[in-house]
Amino acid sequence: MSTMLIIIIVLIFEYFYDDIKKFRQNEIIFKSYHSFQKLSGKSDYVINKIHLIFVTSVLLIGMIILTISSYISSLLYFVISLIMLSYTLRTNQYNKDIEELKIKLEFKKDNIDKNLLFNICPNLKQTRVKTNLNNLVIKNLFFNSSRNTFSILFLFILLGAPAAIAYKVLDCMIYSDEFKTTAKVKQELKKYLYYLDYVPIRLTSYTFSVVSNYDQVINKINNLKLSNNQYLSNIEFINQTGESVYDETAKESDQIVQVQNILSRTLIAWLGIIVLLAVTGIFI
């Protein structure tokens, strides 16, 4: 039951308290990483694997903290989990970024800062597409919503708040420009992100069929054209499925409204299942 309460409290709190963004700065991750780097020594193995070691350490330390807190007090365990999830689950924050894009597409279509587009869909930063970038961003809203919501929720439910924090750290390493690393390292990290995203992306995609047109979505899933690259195949899976639930011929601002409606209904469906599992005693 506490799992359900934590998720609902975080979503409600984030919805009404915009200033929570100030406490979600990635600077926290950067400073922690650099401190960890200094303490790790100069072993060749450690230097080559420092990113994965850091993510693993965040997961293990988070688990240790929650385990100890659960022995001390169930309330302390609840509060620490609440803080961890509040840092990682950015549903409403992301929705507000989408809302800003929608407004600009409605009134200033030809004067949209690319920084806004790439902030909403950081996986497109390396794209070479110079035309119809707005449409490409709209298609990628599905994948990036999963990054900010559904993958976080899945890992939180499966392994607890430390897993959600570890996922956010890995996500930050891959997508943040402030995190300086080589393209080779990012490619390696993306392989691990593929496994973390694999199940939540497919669960989210199949949920589209429940909250929209079942036959249309299932038909699309059965005819997906995915690349051989594992990381890209995840992105293509959810984005191509998402294409079947909104009208690409509508004007761009209306397309975003349709996408927002589908994602909102998908989140409600997830919450409904979480509540059901909590009531039946599967979650504590």
C-alpha atoms as a PDB file:
ATOM      1  CA  MET A   1       0.000   0.000   0.000  1.00  0.00           C
ATOM      2  CA  SER A   2       2.906   2.360   0.740  1.00  0.00           C
ATOM      3  CA  THR A   3       4.157   1.918  -2.852  1.00  0.00           C
ATOM      4  CA  MET A   4       0.870   3.224  -4.206  1.00  0.00           C
ATOM      5  CA  LEU A   5       0.752   6.096  -1.705  1.00  0.00           C
ATOM      6  CA  ILE A   6       4.286   7.226  -2.519  1.00  0.00           C
ATOM      7  CA  ILE A   7       3.552   7.352  -6.265  1.00  0.00           C
ATOM      8  CA  ILE A   8       0.296   9.250  -5.825  1.00  0.00           C
ATOM      9  CA  ILE A   9       1.794  11.727  -3.328  1.00  0.00           C
ATOM     10  CA  VAL A  10       4.730  12.460  -5.645  1.00  0.00           C
ATOM     11  CA  LEU A  11       2.449  13.019  -8.648  1.00  0.00           C
ATOM     12  CA  ILE A  12       0.120  15.325  -6.684  1.00  0.00           C
ATOM     13  CA  PHE A  13       2.969  17.241  -5.054  1.00  0.00           C
ATOM     14  CA  GLU A  14       4.742  17.759  -8.386  1.00  0.00           C
ATOM     15  CA  TYR A  15       1.518  18.939 -10.005  1.00  0.00           C
ATOM     16  CA  PHE A  16       0.942  21.721  -7.471  1.00  0.00           C
ATOM     17  CA  TYR A  17       4.542  22.651  -6.642  1.00  0.00           C
ATOM     18  CA  ASP A  18       6.397  23.914  -9.712  1.00  0.00           C
ATOM     19  CA  ASP A  19       9.486  24.928  -7.744  1.00  0.00           C
ATOM     20  CA  ILE A  20      10.369  21.273  -7.227  1.00  0.00           C
ATOM     21  CA  LYS A  21      12.468  21.674 -10.395  1.00  0.00           C
ATOM     22  CA  LYS A  22      14.996  23.623  -8.320  1.00  0.00           C
ATOM     23  CA  PHE A  23      15.652  20.539  -6.211  1.00  0.00           C
ATOM     24  CA  ARG A  24      16.043  18.232  -9.206  1.00  0.00           C
ATOM     25  CA  GLN A  25      19.179  19.754 -10.650  1.00  0.00           C
ATOM     26  CA  ASN A  26      21.464  17.224 -12.329  1.00  0.00           C
ATOM     27  CA  GLU A  27      24.315  19.012 -10.572  1.00  0.00           C
ATOM     28  CA  ILE A  28      23.681  16.683  -7.635  1.00  0.00           C
ATOM     29  CA  ILE A  29      24.566  13.707  -9.821  1.00  0.00           C
ATOM     30  CA  PHE A  30      27.603  15.416 -11.375  1.00  0.00           C
ATOM     31  CA  LYS A  31      29.125  16.400  -8.033  1.00  0.00           C
ATOM     32  CA  SER A  32      28.526  12.932  -6.599  1.00  0.00           C
ATOM     33  CA  TYR A  33      30.123  11.328  -9.653  1.00  0.00           C
ATOM     34  CA  HIS A  34      33.227  13.539  -9.542  1.00  0.00           C
ATOM     35  CA  SER A  35      33.664  12.887  -5.809  1.00  0.00           C
ATOM     36  CA  PHE A  36      33.302   9.151  -6.430  1.00  0.00           C
ATOM     37  CA  GLN A  37      35.807   9.384  -9.271  1.00  0.00           C
ATOM     38  CA  LYS A  38      38.421  10.954  -6.996  1.00  0.00           C
ATOM     39  CA  LEU A  39      37.941   8.249  -4.363  1.00  0.00           C
ATOM     40  CA  SER A  40      38.072   5.343  -6.812  1.00  0.00           C
ATOM     41  CA  GLY A  41      41.803   5.370  -7.475  1.00  0.00           C
ATOM     42  CA  LYS A  42      43.625   5.053 -10.768  1.00  0.00           C
ATOM     43  CA  SER A  43      43.255   1.378 -11.575  1.00  0.00           C
ATOM     44  CA  ASP A  44      42.841   0.814 -15.336  1.00  0.00           C
ATOM     45  CA  TYR A  45      39.803  -1.408 -14.756  1.00  0.00           C
ATOM     46  CA  VAL A  46      38.123   1.167 -12.516  1.00  0.00           C
ATOM     47  CA  ILE A  47      38.847   4.003 -14.947  1.00  0.00           C
ATOM     48  CA  ASN A  48      37.370   2.036 -17.860  1.00  0.00           C
ATOM     49  CA  LYS A  49      34.273   0.981 -15.915  1.00  0.00           C
ATOM     50  CA  ILE A  50      33.848   4.024 -13.663  1.00  0.00           C
ATOM     51  CA  HIS A  51      30.410   4.930 -15.087  1.00  0.00           C
ATOM     52  CA  LEU A  52      28.906   1.489 -14.490  1.00  0.00           C
ATOM     53  CA  ILE A  53      30.591   1.177 -11.105  1.00  0.00           C
ATOM     54  CA  PHE A  54      29.088   4.515 -10.064  1.00  0.00           C
ATOM     55  CA  VAL A  55      25.570   3.534 -11.187  1.00  0.00           C
ATOM     56  CA  THR A  56      25.878   0.192  -9.380  1.00  0.00           C
ATOM     57  CA  SER A  57      27.183   1.934  -6.263  1.00  0.00           C
ATOM     58  CA  VAL A  58      24.224   4.340  -6.281  1.00  0.00           C
ATOM     59  CA  LEU A  59      21.876   1.348  -6.456  1.00  0.00           C
ATOM     60  CA  LEU A  60      23.610  -0.574  -3.665  1.00  0.00           C
ATOM     61  CA  ILE A  61      24.014   2.432  -1.350  1.00  0.00           C
ATOM     62  CA  GLY A  62      20.354   3.343  -1.893  1.00  0.00           C
ATOM     63  CA  MET A  63      19.299  -0.211  -1.018  1.00  0.00           C
ATOM     64  CA  ILE A  64      21.464  -0.208   2.116  1.00  0.00           C
ATOM     65  CA  ILE A  65      20.006   3.126   3.248  1.00  0.00           C
ATOM     66  CA  LEU A  66      16.427   1.925   2.738  1.00  0.00           C
ATOM     67  CA  THR A  67      17.122  -1.415   4.429  1.00  0.00           C
ATOM     68  CA  ILE A  68      18.552   0.288   7.506  1.00  0.00           C
ATOM     69  CA  SER A  69      15.738   2.861   7.559  1.00  0.00           C
ATOM     70  CA  SER A  70      13.112   0.106   7.416  1.00  0.00           C
ATOM     71  CA  TYR A  71      14.586  -1.444  10.579  1.00  0.00           C
ATOM     72  CA  ILE A  72      14.633   1.922  12.338  1.00  0.00           C
ATOM     73  CA  SER A  73      11.156   3.120  11.372  1.00  0.00           C
ATOM     74  CA  SER A  74       8.588   2.396   8.673  1.00  0.00           C
ATOM     75  CA  LEU A  75       7.890   6.145   8.542  1.00  0.00           C
ATOM     76  CA  LEU A  76      11.575   6.888   7.858  1.00  0.00           C
ATOM     77  CA  TYR A  77      11.565   4.276   5.081  1.00  0.00           C
ATOM     78  CA  PHE A  78       8.446   5.909   3.612  1.00  0.00           C
ATOM     79  CA  VAL A  79       9.946   9.429   3.716  1.00  0.00           C
ATOM     80  CA  ILE A  80      13.275   8.423   2.140  1.00  0.00           C
ATOM     81  CA  SER A  81      11.495   6.520  -0.651  1.00  0.00           C
ATOM     82  CA  LEU A  82       9.262   9.546  -1.186  1.00  0.00           C
ATOM     83  CA  ILE A  83      12.277  11.863  -1.538  1.00  0.00           C
ATOM     84  CA  MET A  84      14.049   9.503  -3.949  1.00  0.00           C
ATOM     85  CA  LEU A  85      11.019   9.113  -6.178  1.00  0.00           C
ATOM     86  CA  SER A  86      10.330  12.858  -6.062  1.00  0.00           C
ATOM     87  CA  TYR A  87      13.771  13.419  -7.577  1.00  0.00           C
ATOM     88  CA  THR A  88      13.344  10.887 -10.383  1.00  0.00           C
ATOM     89  CA  LEU A  89       9.655  10.877 -11.384  1.00  0.00           C
ATOM     90  CA  ARG A  90       9.195  13.967 -13.572  1.00  0.00           C
ATOM     91  CA  THR A  91       5.801  13.416 -15.167  1.00  0.00           C
ATOM     92  CA  ASN A  92       4.260  16.836 -14.674  1.00  0.00           C
ATOM     93  CA  GLN A  93       7.545  18.654 -15.192  1.00  0.00           C
ATOM     94  CA  TYR A  94       7.850  16.959 -18.577  1.00  0.00           C
ATOM     95  CA  ASN A  95       4.206  17.660 -19.394  1.00  0.00           C
ATOM     96  CA  LYS A  96       4.787  21.358 -18.800  1.00  0.00           C
ATOM     97  CA  ASP A  97       7.695  21.307 -21.245  1.00  0.00           C
ATOM     98  CA  ILE A  98       5.398  19.685 -23.796  1.00  0.00           C
ATOM     99  CA  GLU A  99       2.744  22.300 -23.059  1.00  0.00           C
ATOM    100  CA  GLU A 100       5.284  25.051 -23.731  1.00  0.00           C
ATOM    101  CA  LEU A 101       6.132  23.467 -27.076  1.00  0.00           C
ATOM    102  CA  LYS A 102       2.445  23.188 -27.949  1.00  0.00           C
ATOM    103  CA  ILE A 103       1.876  26.885 -27.269  1.00  0.00           C
ATOM    104  CA  LYS A 104       4.876  27.893 -29.343  1.00  0.00           C
ATOM    105  CA  LEU A 105       3.783  25.685 -32.229  1.00  0.00           C
ATOM    106  CA  GLU A 106       0.371  27.337 -32.048  1.00  0.00           C
ATOM    107  CA  PHE A 107       1.599  30.917 -32.113  1.00  0.00           C
ATOM    108  CA  LYS A 108       5.305  31.003 -33.061  1.00  0.00           C
ATOM    109  CA  LYS A 109       5.827  28.024 -35.294  1.00  0.00           C
ATOM    110  CA  ASP A 110       8.773  29.542 -37.179  1.00  0.00           C
ATOM    111  CA  ASN A 111      10.591  30.802 -34.090  1.00  0.00           C
ATOM    112  CA  ILE A 112      11.111  27.765 -31.868  1.00  0.00           C
ATOM    113  CA  ASP A 113      14.398  27.442 -30.029  1.00  0.00           C
ATOM    114  CA  LYS A 114      16.023  24.090 -30.827  1.00  0.00           C
ATOM    115  CA  ASN A 115      17.206  23.932 -27.232  1.00  0.00           C
ATOM    116  CA  LEU A 116      13.578  23.470 -26.196  1.00  0.00           C
ATOM    117  CA  LEU A 117      13.119  20.687 -28.755  1.00  0.00           C
ATOM    118  CA  PHE A 118      16.253  18.857 -27.632  1.00  0.00           C
ATOM    119  CA  ASN A 119      15.429  19.389 -23.969  1.00  0.00           C
ATOM    120  CA  ILE A 120      12.118  17.610 -24.547  1.00  0.00           C
ATOM    121  CA  CYS A 121      13.668  14.897 -26.733  1.00  0.00           C
ATOM    122  CA  PRO A 122      17.402  14.694 -25.916  1.00  0.00           C
ATOM    123  CA  ASN A 123      17.726  11.450 -27.875  1.00  0.00           C
ATOM    124  CA  LEU A 124      17.449  13.578 -31.043  1.00  0.00           C
ATOM    125  CA  LYS A 125      20.491  15.746 -30.366  1.00  0.00           C
ATOM    126  CA  GLN A 126      22.594  13.847 -32.890  1.00  0.00           C
ATOM    127  CA  THR A 127      19.934  13.783 -35.575  1.00  0.00           C
ATOM    128  CA  ARG A 128      20.902  15.108 -38.995  1.00  0.00           C
ATOM    129  CA  VAL A 129      17.326  15.884 -39.945  1.00  0.00           C
ATOM    130  CA  LYS A 130      16.955  19.547 -40.880  1.00  0.00           C
ATOM    131  CA  THR A 131      13.353  19.527 -42.082  1.00  0.00           C
ATOM    132  CA  ASN A 132      10.178  18.491 -40.246  1.00  0.00           C
ATOM    133  CA  LEU A 133      12.091  18.456 -36.954  1.00  0.00           C
ATOM    134  CA  ASN A 134       8.903  19.413 -35.109  1.00  0.00           C
ATOM    135  CA  ASN A 135       7.140  16.289 -36.394  1.00  0.00           C
ATOM    136  CA  LEU A 136      10.103  14.142 -35.375  1.00  0.00           C
ATOM    137  CA  VAL A 137       9.959  15.604 -31.878  1.00  0.00           C
ATOM    138  CA  ILE A 138       6.228  14.870 -31.627  1.00  0.00           C
ATOM    139  CA  LYS A 139       6.834  11.222 -32.540  1.00  0.00           C
ATOM    140  CA  ASN A 140       9.574  10.971 -29.922  1.00  0.00           C
ATOM    141  CA  LEU A 141       7.344  12.289 -27.133  1.00  0.00           C
ATOM    142  CA  PHE A 142       6.304   8.683 -26.503  1.00  0.00           C
ATOM    143  CA  PHE A 143       9.829   7.429 -25.832  1.00  0.00           C
ATOM    144  CA  ASN A 144      10.784  10.429 -23.722  1.00  0.00           C
ATOM    145  CA  SER A 145       7.594  10.157 -21.691  1.00  0.00           C
ATOM    146  CA  SER A 146       8.651   6.612 -20.897  1.00  0.00           C
ATOM    147  CA  ARG A 147      12.055   7.922 -19.749  1.00  0.00           C
ATOM    148  CA  ASN A 148      10.445  10.413 -17.393  1.00  0.00           C
ATOM    149  CA  THR A 149       7.497   8.355 -16.185  1.00  0.00           C
ATOM    150  CA  PHE A 150       6.853   4.738 -17.124  1.00  0.00           C
ATOM    151  CA  SER A 151      10.377   3.310 -16.857  1.00  0.00           C
ATOM    152  CA  ILE A 152      10.780   5.093 -13.516  1.00  0.00           C
ATOM    153  CA  LEU A 153       7.479   3.705 -12.224  1.00  0.00           C
ATOM    154  CA  PHE A 154       8.303   0.181 -13.404  1.00  0.00           C
ATOM    155  CA  LEU A 155      11.709   0.116 -11.719  1.00  0.00           C
ATOM    156  CA  PHE A 156      10.325   1.715  -8.564  1.00  0.00           C
ATOM    157  CA  ILE A 157       7.641  -0.950  -8.319  1.00  0.00           C
ATOM    158  CA  LEU A 158      10.051  -3.784  -9.162  1.00  0.00           C
ATOM    159  CA  LEU A 159      13.147  -2.859  -7.140  1.00  0.00           C
ATOM    160  CA  GLY A 160      12.232   0.217  -5.128  1.00  0.00           C
ATOM    161  CA  ALA A 161      13.379   3.826  -5.087  1.00  0.00           C
ATOM    162  CA  PRO A 162      17.142   3.066  -5.397  1.00  0.00           C
ATOM    163  CA  ALA A 163      16.537   1.475  -8.808  1.00  0.00           C
ATOM    164  CA  ALA A 164      14.689   4.604  -9.937  1.00  0.00           C
ATOM    165  CA  ILE A 165      17.626   6.756  -8.793  1.00  0.00           C
ATOM    166  CA  ALA A 166      20.131   4.490 -10.565  1.00  0.00           C
ATOM    167  CA  TYR A 167      18.078   4.703 -13.756  1.00  0.00           C
ATOM    168  CA  LYS A 168      18.031   8.508 -13.573  1.00  0.00           C
ATOM    169  CA  VAL A 169      21.815   8.557 -13.088  1.00  0.00           C
ATOM    170  CA  LEU A 170      22.313   6.352 -16.153  1.00  0.00           C
ATOM    171  CA  ASP A 171      19.850   8.457 -18.130  1.00  0.00           C
ATOM    172  CA  CYS A 172      21.710  11.625 -17.120  1.00  0.00           C
ATOM    173  CA  MET A 173      25.055  10.175 -18.207  1.00  0.00           C
ATOM    174  CA  ILE A 174      23.661   9.449 -21.661  1.00  0.00           C
ATOM    175  CA  TYR A 175      21.530  12.514 -22.361  1.00  0.00           C
ATOM    176  CA  SER A 176      22.962  15.419 -20.387  1.00  0.00           C
ATOM    177  CA  ASP A 177      25.392  17.718 -22.228  1.00  0.00           C
ATOM    178  CA  GLU A 178      26.870  18.702 -18.880  1.00  0.00           C
ATOM    179  CA  PHE A 179      28.069  15.154 -18.322  1.00  0.00           C
ATOM    180  CA  LYS A 180      31.276  14.977 -20.334  1.00  0.00           C
ATOM    181  CA  THR A 181      32.149  11.525 -21.637  1.00  0.00           C
ATOM    182  CA  THR A 182      33.148   9.853 -24.894  1.00  0.00           C
ATOM    183  CA  ALA A 183      30.802   8.584 -27.591  1.00  0.00           C
ATOM    184  CA  LYS A 184      32.158   5.066 -26.989  1.00  0.00           C
ATOM    185  CA  VAL A 185      31.177   5.179 -23.325  1.00  0.00           C
ATOM    186  CA  LYS A 186      27.701   6.473 -24.174  1.00  0.00           C
ATOM    187  CA  GLN A 187      27.212   3.650 -26.660  1.00  0.00           C
ATOM    188  CA  GLU A 188      28.144   1.150 -23.969  1.00  0.00           C
ATOM    189  CA  LEU A 189      25.762   2.740 -21.472  1.00  0.00           C
ATOM    190  CA  LYS A 190      22.948   2.646 -24.032  1.00  0.00           C
ATOM    191  CA  LYS A 191      23.280  -1.148 -24.142  1.00  0.00           C
ATOM    192  CA  TYR A 192      22.406  -1.286 -20.442  1.00  0.00           C
ATOM    193  CA  LEU A 193      19.612   1.238 -20.882  1.00  0.00           C
ATOM    194  CA  TYR A 194      18.125  -1.073 -23.520  1.00  0.00           C
ATOM    195  CA  TYR A 195      17.622  -3.838 -20.935  1.00  0.00           C
ATOM    196  CA  LEU A 196      16.177  -1.467 -18.340  1.00  0.00           C
ATOM    197  CA  ASP A 197      13.729   0.027 -20.830  1.00  0.00           C
ATOM    198  CA  TYR A 198      12.803  -3.212 -22.597  1.00  0.00           C
ATOM    199  CA  VAL A 199       9.852  -4.282 -20.440  1.00  0.00           C
ATOM    200  CA  PRO A 200       8.372  -0.853 -19.498  1.00  0.00           C
ATOM    201  CA  ILE A 201       8.449   0.301 -23.118  1.00  0.00           C
ATOM    202  CA  ARG A 202       6.543  -2.764 -24.248  1.00  0.00           C
ATOM    203  CA  LEU A 203       4.094  -2.562 -21.353  1.00  0.00           C
ATOM    204  CA  THR A 204       3.463   1.086 -22.189  1.00  0.00           C
ATOM    205  CA  SER A 205       3.038   0.329 -25.889  1.00  0.00           C
ATOM    206  CA  TYR A 206       0.507  -2.427 -25.222  1.00  0.00           C
ATOM    207  CA  THR A 207      -1.323  -0.127 -22.803  1.00  0.00           C
ATOM    208  CA  PHE A 208      -1.921   2.200 -25.771  1.00  0.00           C
ATOM    209  CA  SER A 209      -4.181  -0.510 -27.178  1.00  0.00           C
ATOM    210  CA  VAL A 210      -6.261  -0.507 -23.985  1.00  0.00           C
ATOM    211  CA  VAL A 211      -6.727   3.266 -23.807  1.00  0.00           C
ATOM    212  CA  SER A 212      -7.229   3.853 -27.544  1.00  0.00           C
ATOM    213  CA  ASN A 213      -7.971   1.725 -30.610  1.00  0.00           C
ATOM    214  CA  TYR A 214      -7.064  -1.873 -29.740  1.00  0.00           C
ATOM    215  CA  ASP A 215      -7.060  -3.340 -33.248  1.00  0.00           C
ATOM    216  CA  GLN A 216      -5.153  -0.409 -34.707  1.00  0.00           C
ATOM    217  CA  VAL A 217      -2.406  -0.535 -32.080  1.00  0.00           C
ATOM    218  CA  ILE A 218      -2.011  -4.325 -32.123  1.00  0.00           C
ATOM    219  CA  ASN A 219      -1.860  -4.321 -35.906  1.00  0.00           C
ATOM    220  CA  LYS A 220       0.886  -1.691 -35.732  1.00  0.00           C
ATOM    221  CA  ILE A 221       2.838  -3.686 -33.138  1.00  0.00           C
ATOM    222  CA  ASN A 222       2.640  -6.765 -35.333  1.00  0.00           C
ATOM    223  CA  ASN A 223       4.100  -4.833 -38.256  1.00  0.00           C
ATOM    224  CA  LEU A 224       6.849  -2.786 -36.642  1.00  0.00           C
ATOM    225  CA  LYS A 225      10.042  -2.112 -38.567  1.00  0.00           C
ATOM    226  CA  LEU A 226      12.843  -2.137 -36.021  1.00  0.00           C
ATOM    227  CA  SER A 227      16.552  -1.622 -36.566  1.00  0.00           C
ATOM    228  CA  ASN A 228      19.218  -4.126 -35.501  1.00  0.00           C
ATOM    229  CA  ASN A 229      20.555  -1.658 -32.942  1.00  0.00           C
ATOM    230  CA  GLN A 230      19.054  -2.719 -29.603  1.00  0.00           C
ATOM    231  CA  TYR A 231      18.947   0.759 -28.087  1.00  0.00           C
ATOM    232  CA  LEU A 232      17.284   2.255 -31.171  1.00  0.00           C
ATOM    233  CA  SER A 233      14.852  -0.659 -31.403  1.00  0.00           C
ATOM    234  CA  ASN A 234      13.353   0.337 -28.041  1.00  0.00           C
ATOM    235  CA  ILE A 235      12.837   3.896 -29.235  1.00  0.00           C
ATOM    236  CA  GLU A 236      11.360   2.718 -32.529  1.00  0.00           C
ATOM    237  CA  PHE A 237       9.063   0.228 -30.794  1.00  0.00           C
ATOM    238  CA  ILE A 238       7.223   2.777 -28.679  1.00  0.00           C
ATOM    239  CA  ASN A 239       7.379   5.651 -31.173  1.00  0.00           C
ATOM    240  CA  GLN A 240       6.057   3.595 -34.085  1.00  0.00           C
ATOM    241  CA  THR A 241       3.314   2.192 -31.871  1.00  0.00           C
ATOM    242  CA  GLY A 242       2.504   5.726 -30.762  1.00  0.00           C
ATOM    243  CA  GLU A 243       2.123   6.840 -34.377  1.00  0.00           C
ATOM    244  CA  SER A 244      -0.999   4.697 -34.612  1.00  0.00           C
ATOM    245  CA  VAL A 245      -2.846   6.550 -31.837  1.00  0.00           C
ATOM    246  CA  TYR A 246      -2.827  10.119 -33.157  1.00  0.00           C
ATOM    247  CA  ASP A 247      -3.605  11.880 -36.422  1.00  0.00           C
ATOM    248  CA  GLU A 248      -0.385  12.914 -38.167  1.00  0.00           C
ATOM    249  CA  THR A 249      -2.343  14.978 -40.692  1.00  0.00           C
ATOM    250  CA  ALA A 250      -3.649  17.354 -38.007  1.00  0.00           C
ATOM    251  CA  LYS A 251      -1.787  20.562 -37.262  1.00  0.00           C
ATOM    252  CA  GLU A 252       1.189  20.107 -34.967  1.00  0.00           C
ATOM    253  CA  SER A 253      -0.360  21.661 -31.842  1.00  0.00           C
ATOM    254  CA  ASP A 254      -3.388  19.381 -32.218  1.00  0.00           C
ATOM    255  CA  GLN A 255      -1.105  16.362 -32.623  1.00  0.00           C
ATOM    256  CA  ILE A 256       0.514  17.219 -29.298  1.00  0.00           C
ATOM    257  CA  VAL A 257      -2.899  17.475 -27.625  1.00  0.00           C
ATOM    258  CA  GLN A 258      -3.741  13.993 -28.920  1.00  0.00           C
ATOM    259  CA  VAL A 259      -0.410  12.604 -27.719  1.00  0.00           C
ATOM    260  CA  GLN A 260      -0.903  14.204 -24.292  1.00  0.00           C
ATOM    261  CA  ASN A 261      -4.358  12.660 -24.000  1.00  0.00           C
ATOM    262  CA  ILE A 262      -3.033   9.189 -24.839  1.00  0.00           C
ATOM    263  CA  LEU A 263      -0.139   9.494 -22.383  1.00  0.00           C
ATOM    264  CA  SER A 264      -2.475  10.770 -19.638  1.00  0.00           C
ATOM    265  CA  ARG A 265      -4.857   7.865 -20.142  1.00  0.00           C
ATOM    266  CA  THR A 266      -1.910   5.456 -20.194  1.00  0.00           C
ATOM    267  CA  LEU A 267      -0.700   6.819 -16.854  1.00  0.00           C
ATOM    268  CA  ILE A 268      -4.198   6.482 -15.396  1.00  0.00           C
ATOM    269  CA  ALA A 269      -4.303   2.870 -16.615  1.00  0.00           C
ATOM    270  CA  TRP A 270      -0.953   2.179 -14.952  1.00  0.00           C
ATOM    271  CA  LEU A 271      -2.106   3.789 -11.714  1.00  0.00           C
ATOM    272  CA  GLY A 272      -5.310   1.753 -11.840  1.00  0.00           C
ATOM    273  CA  ILE A 273      -3.311  -1.471 -12.113  1.00  0.00           C
ATOM    274  CA  ILE A 274      -0.957  -0.357  -9.321  1.00  0.00           C
ATOM    275  CA  VAL A 275      -3.914   0.406  -7.042  1.00  0.00           C
ATOM    276  CA  LEU A 276      -5.456  -2.983  -7.859  1.00  0.00           C
ATOM    277  CA  LEU A 277      -2.205  -4.784  -7.054  1.00  0.00           C
ATOM    278  CA  ALA A 278      -1.854  -2.786  -3.834  1.00  0.00           C
ATOM    279  CA  VAL A 279      -5.402  -3.604  -2.733  1.00  0.00           C
ATOM    280  CA  THR A 280      -4.836  -7.309  -3.398  1.00  0.00           C
ATOM    281  CA  GLY A 281      -1.731  -7.209  -1.196  1.00  0.00           C
ATOM    282  CA  ILE A 282       0.948  -7.709  -3.836  1.00  0.00           C
ATOM    283  CA  PHE A 283       2.581  -4.390  -2.871  1.00  0.00           C
ATOM    284  CA  ILE A 284       3.282  -3.535   0.739  1.00  0.00           C
END
